[in-house]
Protein backbone atom coordinates (compact mmCIF):
# COMPACT_ATOMS: atom_id res chain seq x y z
CA UNK A 1 11.07 -0.80 20.04
CA UNK A 2 11.58 1.40 17.25
CA UNK A 3 9.73 5.28 17.24
CA UNK A 4 7.42 5.96 14.00
CA UNK A 5 8.56 8.24 11.51
CA UNK A 6 8.40 11.65 10.59
CA UNK A 7 6.17 11.04 7.42
CA UNK A 8 5.13 14.91 7.54
CA UNK A 9 8.64 15.73 7.58
CA UNK A 10 9.86 13.56 4.64
CA UNK A 11 6.88 13.84 2.12
CA UNK A 12 8.54 17.32 0.93
CA UNK A 13 11.16 15.30 -0.41
CA UNK A 14 9.08 11.70 -0.98
CA UNK A 15 9.26 11.83 -5.01
CA UNK A 16 12.56 12.72 -5.52
CA UNK A 17 13.93 9.80 -5.19
CA UNK A 18 14.35 7.64 -8.62
CA UNK A 19 13.94 4.02 -7.16
CA UNK A 20 10.86 4.69 -5.02
CA UNK A 21 8.92 6.37 -8.19
CA UNK A 22 10.38 3.40 -10.30
CA UNK A 23 9.18 0.76 -8.09
CA UNK A 24 5.91 2.46 -6.84
CA UNK A 25 5.35 1.67 -11.07
CA UNK A 26 6.25 -1.83 -11.24
CA UNK A 27 3.90 -2.60 -8.26
CA UNK A 28 1.05 -0.90 -9.96
CA UNK A 29 1.24 -2.57 -13.48
CA UNK A 30 1.52 -5.98 -11.13
CA UNK A 31 -1.28 -5.26 -9.44
CA UNK A 32 -3.05 -4.73 -13.10
CA UNK A 33 -1.86 -7.73 -14.00
CA UNK A 34 -2.68 -9.80 -10.59
CA UNK A 35 -6.32 -8.53 -10.55
CA UNK A 36 -9.54 -8.11 -12.62
CA UNK A 37 -9.63 -4.03 -12.56
CA UNK A 38 -12.96 -2.72 -13.34
CA UNK A 39 -13.96 0.88 -14.27
CA UNK A 40 -16.83 0.44 -11.86
CA UNK A 41 -14.72 -0.34 -9.08
CA UNK A 42 -13.58 2.29 -6.45
CA UNK A 43 -10.21 1.50 -5.15
CA UNK A 44 -8.89 2.24 -1.75
CA UNK A 45 -4.78 3.19 -0.87
CA UNK A 46 -4.17 2.51 2.27
CA UNK A 47 -0.88 4.36 2.86
CA UNK A 48 -0.82 6.01 0.16
CA UNK A 49 2.28 8.17 0.77
CA UNK A 50 2.26 11.54 -2.00
CA UNK A 51 0.44 9.43 -4.48
CA UNK A 52 2.69 7.21 -6.17
CA UNK A 53 0.78 3.59 -6.83
CA UNK A 54 -2.96 6.04 -6.09
CA UNK A 55 -2.50 8.03 -9.31
CA UNK A 56 -1.26 5.46 -11.87
CA UNK A 57 -4.75 3.04 -10.70
CA UNK A 58 -6.91 5.84 -10.70
CA UNK A 59 -7.01 5.70 -14.46
CA UNK A 60 -8.39 2.32 -14.23
CA UNK A 61 -11.36 2.64 -11.90
CA UNK A 62 -14.20 4.76 -11.48
CA UNK A 63 -12.62 5.94 -8.25
CA UNK A 64 -9.37 6.21 -5.93
CA UNK A 65 -9.19 7.64 -2.33
CA UNK A 66 -5.82 7.86 -0.95
CA UNK A 67 -5.42 7.21 3.15
CA UNK A 68 -2.83 7.69 5.39
CA UNK A 69 -1.62 9.14 8.56
CA UNK A 70 0.67 11.66 7.27
CA UNK A 71 -0.94 14.93 6.31
CA UNK A 72 2.08 16.45 4.45
CA UNK A 73 1.91 13.59 2.75
CA UNK A 74 -1.67 13.81 1.90
CA UNK A 75 -1.06 17.64 1.31
CA UNK A 76 1.54 16.61 -1.80
CA UNK A 77 -0.74 13.91 -3.33
CA UNK A 78 -3.56 16.79 -2.87
CA UNK A 79 -1.79 19.09 -4.98
CA UNK A 80 -0.70 16.62 -7.78
CA UNK A 81 -4.60 15.61 -7.79
CA UNK A 82 -5.10 19.63 -8.38
CA UNK A 83 -2.32 19.82 -11.14
CA UNK A 84 -3.58 16.40 -13.13
CA UNK A 85 -7.22 17.72 -12.65
CA UNK A 86 -7.74 13.68 -11.42
CA UNK A 87 -11.62 13.89 -10.48
CA UNK A 88 -11.88 10.62 -9.64
CA UNK A 89 -9.22 10.90 -6.34
CA UNK A 90 -9.27 11.80 -2.80
CA UNK A 91 -7.72 11.58 0.22
CA UNK A 92 -8.78 10.99 3.38
CA UNK A 93 -6.69 11.15 6.76
CA UNK A 94 -6.88 7.91 8.95
CA UNK A 95 -4.43 6.32 11.09
CA UNK A 96 -6.20 2.68 10.69
CA UNK A 97 -3.58 1.75 14.10
CA UNK A 98 -6.05 3.26 16.17
CA UNK A 99 -8.93 1.92 15.12
CA UNK A 100 -10.31 4.54 13.06
CA UNK A 101 -11.60 3.33 9.14
CA UNK A 102 -12.19 5.82 6.35
CA UNK A 103 -15.92 6.10 4.92
CA UNK A 104 -17.36 3.98 2.09
CA UNK A 105 -17.32 0.35 0.37
CA UNK A 106 -14.09 -0.15 -1.82
CA UNK A 107 -14.09 -3.26 -4.61
CA UNK A 108 -10.02 -3.13 -4.10
CA UNK A 109 -7.25 -2.29 -1.35
CA UNK A 110 -4.65 -1.92 -2.21
CA UNK A 111 -1.23 -0.48 0.24
CA UNK A 112 2.30 -0.46 -1.00
CA UNK A 113 5.52 -0.68 1.57
CA UNK A 114 3.37 0.00 4.26
CA UNK A 115 3.07 -3.46 6.27
CA UNK A 116 6.49 -3.08 7.67
CA UNK A 117 4.99 0.29 8.95
CA UNK A 118 2.15 -1.66 11.09
CA UNK A 119 3.18 -2.51 14.60
CA UNK A 120 0.23 -5.18 14.71
CA UNK A 121 -0.52 -6.06 11.21
CA UNK A 122 -3.42 -9.03 12.14
CA UNK A 123 -5.92 -6.62 13.17
CA UNK A 124 -5.22 -3.84 10.73
CA UNK A 125 -6.05 -6.57 7.65
CA UNK A 126 -9.07 -7.44 9.73
CA UNK A 127 -10.43 -3.93 9.69
CA UNK A 128 -9.46 -3.57 5.74
CA UNK A 129 -11.37 -6.54 5.31
CA UNK A 130 -15.03 -4.85 6.36
CA UNK A 131 -14.33 -2.15 4.10
CA UNK A 132 -14.41 -4.85 0.71
CA UNK A 133 -17.50 -5.61 -0.78
CA UNK A 134 -18.23 -9.50 -0.91
CA UNK A 135 -15.54 -10.82 -3.94
CA UNK A 136 -13.21 -7.26 -3.44
CA UNK A 137 -10.05 -7.88 -3.76
CA UNK A 138 -6.91 -6.56 -1.68
CA UNK A 139 -3.31 -6.10 -3.27
CA UNK A 140 -0.80 -5.80 -0.10
CA UNK A 141 3.29 -5.48 -1.84
CA UNK A 142 6.11 -4.98 0.43
CA UNK A 143 9.80 -6.33 0.81
CA UNK A 144 10.31 -10.10 1.20
CA UNK A 145 12.02 -11.23 4.29
CA UNK A 146 15.09 -9.15 5.08
CA UNK A 147 17.87 -8.95 7.41
CA UNK A 148 17.30 -5.41 8.24
CA UNK A 149 19.87 -3.92 5.81
CA UNK A 150 17.73 -2.58 3.41
CA UNK A 151 16.19 0.98 5.36
CA UNK A 152 19.66 3.57 6.15
CA UNK A 153 17.01 4.55 8.75
CA UNK A 154 15.71 1.84 11.28
CA UNK A 155 12.68 4.45 12.62
CA UNK A 156 9.28 3.62 11.73
CA UNK A 157 10.73 -0.01 10.74
CA UNK A 158 9.01 -2.96 12.62
CA UNK A 159 9.18 -5.85 10.24
CA UNK A 160 12.21 -6.22 8.19
CA UNK A 161 9.81 -7.81 5.32
CA UNK A 162 7.66 -11.06 5.19
CA UNK A 163 7.72 -14.22 3.90
CA UNK A 164 5.34 -15.79 1.34
CA UNK A 165 3.89 -18.14 4.09
CA UNK A 166 3.64 -15.50 6.40
CA UNK A 167 1.32 -13.07 4.13
CA UNK A 168 -0.88 -15.93 3.10
CA UNK A 169 -0.78 -17.04 7.27
CA UNK A 170 -1.99 -13.57 7.78
CA UNK A 171 -4.34 -12.98 5.00
CA UNK A 172 -5.90 -16.35 6.13
CA UNK A 173 -6.34 -15.81 9.39
CA UNK A 174 -8.07 -12.31 8.26
CA UNK A 175 -10.50 -14.32 6.28
CA UNK A 176 -9.43 -14.18 3.08
CA UNK A 177 -9.50 -16.96 0.03
CA UNK A 178 -8.20 -16.85 -2.98
CA UNK A 179 -4.37 -15.97 -1.95
CA UNK A 180 -1.29 -16.18 -4.39
CA UNK A 181 1.90 -14.43 -4.02
CA UNK A 182 4.17 -13.23 -6.71
CA UNK A 183 6.94 -11.35 -6.52
CA UNK A 184 6.54 -7.78 -8.14
CA UNK A 185 9.77 -6.06 -8.65
CA UNK A 186 13.36 -6.02 -7.34
CA UNK A 187 15.28 -3.08 -5.59
CA UNK A 188 18.65 -2.89 -6.34
CA UNK A 189 21.06 -0.78 -3.51
CA UNK A 190 24.43 -1.12 -3.83
CA UNK A 191 25.14 -4.84 -4.69
CA UNK A 192 22.38 -6.53 -2.78
CA UNK A 193 19.01 -6.75 -5.04
CA UNK A 194 15.76 -7.06 -2.19
CA UNK A 195 12.31 -8.62 -3.81
CA UNK A 196 8.90 -6.94 -3.48
CA UNK A 197 6.38 -9.27 -3.31
CA UNK A 198 3.09 -8.95 -4.05
CA UNK A 199 0.32 -10.67 -1.77
CA UNK A 200 -3.36 -10.99 -3.44
CA UNK A 201 -6.54 -12.14 -2.13
CA UNK A 202 -10.71 -12.05 -2.25
CA UNK A 203 -12.93 -11.08 0.70
CA UNK A 204 -16.01 -13.25 0.01
């Protein structure tokens, strides 16, 4: 069984990889295209890291909460919030895998490249659903099933991506409806191209 990754240590240089920043922008754009976002909505970005997606969606929402289990990642995000002058973004240190839930109710929950770091996804999705208003949306972006070569370091990797059927089954099992799966982006590493899927669904 793989060990958890030390994201506090990784936080310092997290934003220095252009491929990572580019992917976050493409995922944010795919979410905007797939979900009818509103300036009246409160959003939550689960596994937000340094806020690469969080801060791109914040301008089109009433508020955005970045949730992560890494204090180091949230420190970087907090610094960016202050530097950019965002008044509608806050952070919350919370480990949902331990059964802890952030405060509040939300119209949108997003997650970008986080699911493959989660051991048990089904209970997580059920927990996230309890945080959504009726009719609220969830938007999950992660790798399509791959052979384990995407990550140079396997530490903290519990899933080598997901098929569209797996994501659909997981969301249906958690009680979501109106499920749609699209390709949000592709990541090129060497001579390999890895698709990134976006799964959207509603809590009714």
